[in-house]
């Protein structure tokens, strides 16, 4: 069993209205000095098998096909 984490974030230059709303809310809660909040998503997956190279290739294919919108998002794959 292989455990992996995929982190998806918006590419630089892509507007992030949710991040901006979080930044504004934090300021409203009294957390001064917070700026440039960018939000993303994290996927924790378990894959059957022990071949890390195949797992990494499969995870990248999953990102390209479903988990990330590669036009506006970057992703990083970590295998434990």
N, C-alpha and C. Protein backbone atom coordinates (compact mmCIF):
# COMPACT_ATOMS: atom_id res chain seq x y z
N UNK A 1 0.85 -1.18 0.00
CA UNK A 1 0.00 0.00 0.00
C UNK A 1 0.90 1.24 0.00
N UNK A 2 0.60 2.15 -0.89
CA UNK A 2 1.34 3.40 -1.00
C UNK A 2 0.42 4.54 -0.59
N UNK A 3 0.90 5.39 0.30
CA UNK A 3 0.15 6.57 0.71
C UNK A 3 0.75 7.78 0.00
N UNK A 4 -0.13 8.64 -0.48
CA UNK A 4 0.33 9.81 -1.22
C UNK A 4 -0.51 11.02 -0.86
N UNK A 5 0.07 12.17 -1.08
CA UNK A 5 -0.63 13.44 -0.90
C UNK A 5 -0.43 14.27 -2.16
N UNK A 6 -1.53 14.80 -2.67
CA UNK A 6 -1.50 15.70 -3.82
C UNK A 6 -1.97 17.06 -3.33
N UNK A 7 -1.16 18.09 -3.57
CA UNK A 7 -1.50 19.45 -3.21
C UNK A 7 -1.72 20.25 -4.49
N UNK A 8 -2.89 20.87 -4.59
CA UNK A 8 -3.25 21.64 -5.77
C UNK A 8 -3.38 23.10 -5.37
N UNK A 9 -2.70 23.97 -6.10
CA UNK A 9 -2.75 25.41 -5.82
C UNK A 9 -2.95 26.17 -7.13
N UNK A 10 -3.50 27.37 -7.01
CA UNK A 10 -3.66 28.21 -8.19
C UNK A 10 -2.30 28.70 -8.67
N UNK A 11 -2.16 28.80 -9.98
CA UNK A 11 -0.92 29.33 -10.55
C UNK A 11 -0.79 30.81 -10.20
N UNK A 12 0.45 31.28 -10.15
CA UNK A 12 0.69 32.71 -9.90
C UNK A 12 0.01 33.51 -11.00
N UNK A 13 -0.59 34.61 -10.62
CA UNK A 13 -1.25 35.47 -11.59
C UNK A 13 -2.73 35.17 -11.78
N UNK A 14 -3.18 34.02 -11.28
CA UNK A 14 -4.60 33.67 -11.37
C UNK A 14 -5.31 34.29 -10.17
N UNK A 15 -6.39 35.00 -10.43
CA UNK A 15 -7.14 35.62 -9.34
C UNK A 15 -7.69 34.56 -8.40
N UNK A 16 -7.65 34.86 -7.10
CA UNK A 16 -8.10 33.92 -6.08
C UNK A 16 -9.12 34.62 -5.19
N UNK A 17 -10.38 34.69 -5.63
CA UNK A 17 -11.38 35.40 -4.82
C UNK A 17 -11.62 34.77 -3.46
N UNK A 18 -11.52 33.46 -3.36
CA UNK A 18 -11.70 32.81 -2.06
C UNK A 18 -10.56 33.17 -1.11
N UNK A 19 -9.34 33.19 -1.63
CA UNK A 19 -8.19 33.60 -0.82
C UNK A 19 -8.34 35.04 -0.35
N UNK A 20 -8.84 35.90 -1.25
CA UNK A 20 -9.04 37.30 -0.90
C UNK A 20 -10.11 37.43 0.20
N UNK A 21 -11.17 36.62 0.11
CA UNK A 21 -12.22 36.65 1.13
C UNK A 21 -11.67 36.17 2.48
N UNK A 22 -10.83 35.15 2.47
CA UNK A 22 -10.22 34.65 3.70
C UNK A 22 -9.31 35.72 4.30
N UNK A 23 -8.52 36.36 3.45
CA UNK A 23 -7.62 37.44 3.90
C UNK A 23 -8.44 38.54 4.57
N UNK A 24 -9.54 38.95 3.95
CA UNK A 24 -10.39 40.01 4.49
C UNK A 24 -11.01 39.57 5.82
N UNK A 25 -11.47 38.32 5.89
CA UNK A 25 -12.09 37.81 7.12
C UNK A 25 -11.08 37.76 8.26
N UNK A 26 -9.85 37.35 7.98
CA UNK A 26 -8.82 37.30 9.02
C UNK A 26 -8.52 38.69 9.56
N UNK A 27 -8.45 39.66 8.66
CA UNK A 27 -8.24 41.04 9.09
C UNK A 27 -9.41 41.49 9.97
N UNK A 28 -10.64 41.13 9.58
CA UNK A 28 -11.82 41.48 10.36
C UNK A 28 -11.84 40.83 11.73
N UNK A 29 -11.17 39.69 11.86
CA UNK A 29 -11.08 39.00 13.15
C UNK A 29 -9.93 39.51 14.01
N UNK A 30 -9.23 40.53 13.51
CA UNK A 30 -8.18 41.13 14.30
C UNK A 30 -6.78 40.63 14.02
N UNK A 31 -6.61 39.82 13.00
CA UNK A 31 -5.28 39.33 12.64
C UNK A 31 -4.67 40.29 11.63
N UNK A 32 -3.99 41.31 12.16
CA UNK A 32 -3.38 42.33 11.31
C UNK A 32 -2.12 41.79 10.66
N UNK A 33 -1.78 42.34 9.52
CA UNK A 33 -0.55 41.98 8.84
C UNK A 33 -0.65 40.74 7.97
N UNK A 34 -1.85 40.21 7.78
CA UNK A 34 -2.02 39.05 6.91
C UNK A 34 -2.24 39.55 5.49
N UNK A 35 -1.48 39.01 4.56
CA UNK A 35 -1.63 39.43 3.17
C UNK A 35 -1.38 38.30 2.22
N UNK A 36 -1.90 38.44 1.03
CA UNK A 36 -1.69 37.48 -0.05
C UNK A 36 -2.06 36.05 0.35
N UNK A 37 -3.27 35.87 0.84
CA UNK A 37 -3.76 34.53 1.16
C UNK A 37 -4.14 33.84 -0.15
N UNK A 38 -3.62 32.64 -0.33
CA UNK A 38 -3.96 31.82 -1.50
C UNK A 38 -4.50 30.50 -0.97
N UNK A 39 -5.62 30.07 -1.46
CA UNK A 39 -6.20 28.82 -1.00
C UNK A 39 -5.94 27.73 -2.03
N UNK A 40 -6.02 26.50 -1.57
CA UNK A 40 -5.81 25.36 -2.45
C UNK A 40 -6.57 24.17 -1.93
N UNK A 41 -6.19 23.00 -2.39
CA UNK A 41 -6.84 21.78 -1.92
C UNK A 41 -5.80 20.67 -1.78
N UNK A 42 -6.09 19.75 -0.87
CA UNK A 42 -5.19 18.63 -0.59
C UNK A 42 -5.97 17.33 -0.71
N UNK A 43 -5.38 16.35 -1.39
CA UNK A 43 -5.97 15.03 -1.52
C UNK A 43 -5.01 14.02 -0.91
N UNK A 44 -5.48 13.22 0.04
CA UNK A 44 -4.71 12.10 0.59
C UNK A 44 -5.26 10.83 -0.03
N UNK A 45 -4.38 10.04 -0.65
CA UNK A 45 -4.81 8.84 -1.35
C UNK A 45 -4.01 7.64 -0.89
N UNK A 46 -4.63 6.48 -0.96
CA UNK A 46 -3.94 5.20 -0.74
C UNK A 46 -4.05 4.41 -2.03
N UNK A 47 -2.92 3.94 -2.53
CA UNK A 47 -2.88 3.17 -3.76
C UNK A 47 -2.38 1.77 -3.47
N UNK A 48 -3.01 0.78 -4.07
CA UNK A 48 -2.56 -0.59 -3.90
C UNK A 48 -1.26 -0.80 -4.67
N UNK A 49 -0.45 -1.74 -4.19
CA UNK A 49 0.81 -2.04 -4.84
C UNK A 49 1.97 -1.40 -4.12
N UNK A 50 3.17 -1.68 -4.64
CA UNK A 50 4.38 -1.17 -4.00
C UNK A 50 5.31 -0.45 -4.97
N UNK A 51 4.89 -0.32 -6.23
CA UNK A 51 5.73 0.30 -7.25
C UNK A 51 5.56 1.82 -7.20
N UNK A 52 6.55 2.50 -6.60
CA UNK A 52 6.44 3.95 -6.42
C UNK A 52 6.45 4.69 -7.76
N UNK A 53 7.22 4.22 -8.73
CA UNK A 53 7.27 4.88 -10.04
C UNK A 53 5.91 4.82 -10.72
N UNK A 54 5.25 3.66 -10.67
CA UNK A 54 3.92 3.52 -11.26
C UNK A 54 2.92 4.39 -10.50
N UNK A 55 3.03 4.40 -9.18
CA UNK A 55 2.12 5.22 -8.36
C UNK A 55 2.27 6.69 -8.72
N UNK A 56 3.50 7.16 -8.86
CA UNK A 56 3.72 8.56 -9.21
C UNK A 56 3.14 8.88 -10.58
N UNK A 57 3.34 7.99 -11.54
CA UNK A 57 2.79 8.20 -12.89
C UNK A 57 1.26 8.21 -12.84
N UNK A 58 0.68 7.28 -12.08
CA UNK A 58 -0.78 7.24 -11.95
C UNK A 58 -1.31 8.51 -11.29
N UNK A 59 -0.64 8.97 -10.24
CA UNK A 59 -1.08 10.18 -9.55
C UNK A 59 -1.02 11.40 -10.46
N UNK A 60 0.02 11.51 -11.26
CA UNK A 60 0.12 12.63 -12.20
C UNK A 60 -1.00 12.56 -13.23
N UNK A 61 -1.32 11.34 -13.69
CA UNK A 61 -2.43 11.18 -14.64
C UNK A 61 -3.75 11.57 -13.99
N UNK A 62 -3.94 11.20 -12.72
CA UNK A 62 -5.16 11.58 -11.99
C UNK A 62 -5.29 13.09 -11.91
N UNK A 63 -4.18 13.76 -11.65
CA UNK A 63 -4.19 15.22 -11.56
C UNK A 63 -4.52 15.84 -12.91
N UNK A 64 -3.88 15.34 -13.95
CA UNK A 64 -4.11 15.89 -15.29
C UNK A 64 -5.54 15.68 -15.76
N UNK A 65 -6.17 14.58 -15.34
CA UNK A 65 -7.50 14.24 -15.83
C UNK A 65 -8.64 14.71 -14.92
N UNK A 66 -8.39 14.84 -13.60
CA UNK A 66 -9.50 15.13 -12.70
C UNK A 66 -9.17 16.06 -11.55
N UNK A 67 -8.10 15.80 -10.83
CA UNK A 67 -7.88 16.49 -9.56
C UNK A 67 -7.49 17.95 -9.70
N UNK A 68 -6.86 18.30 -10.82
CA UNK A 68 -6.42 19.69 -11.01
C UNK A 68 -6.86 20.20 -12.37
N UNK A 69 -7.19 21.46 -12.42
CA UNK A 69 -7.44 22.14 -13.70
C UNK A 69 -6.10 22.74 -14.11
N UNK A 70 -5.37 22.02 -14.93
CA UNK A 70 -3.98 22.40 -15.22
C UNK A 70 -3.84 23.70 -16.00
N UNK A 71 -4.95 24.26 -16.46
CA UNK A 71 -4.89 25.56 -17.11
C UNK A 71 -4.61 26.65 -16.08
N UNK A 72 -5.21 26.50 -14.88
CA UNK A 72 -5.07 27.55 -13.87
C UNK A 72 -4.45 27.05 -12.56
N UNK A 73 -4.19 25.74 -12.46
CA UNK A 73 -3.68 25.19 -11.20
C UNK A 73 -2.39 24.40 -11.41
N UNK A 74 -1.54 24.45 -10.40
CA UNK A 74 -0.36 23.60 -10.30
C UNK A 74 -0.65 22.50 -9.31
N UNK A 75 0.10 21.41 -9.38
CA UNK A 75 -0.05 20.37 -8.39
C UNK A 75 1.32 19.80 -8.04
N UNK A 76 1.40 19.27 -6.82
CA UNK A 76 2.61 18.60 -6.34
C UNK A 76 2.20 17.26 -5.76
N UNK A 77 2.98 16.23 -6.07
CA UNK A 77 2.71 14.87 -5.62
C UNK A 77 3.79 14.46 -4.63
N UNK A 78 3.37 13.98 -3.46
CA UNK A 78 4.29 13.46 -2.44
C UNK A 78 3.90 12.03 -2.13
N UNK A 79 4.88 11.14 -2.17
CA UNK A 79 4.64 9.74 -1.82
C UNK A 79 5.35 9.45 -0.52
N UNK A 80 4.59 8.92 0.45
CA UNK A 80 5.16 8.64 1.78
C UNK A 80 6.02 7.38 1.74
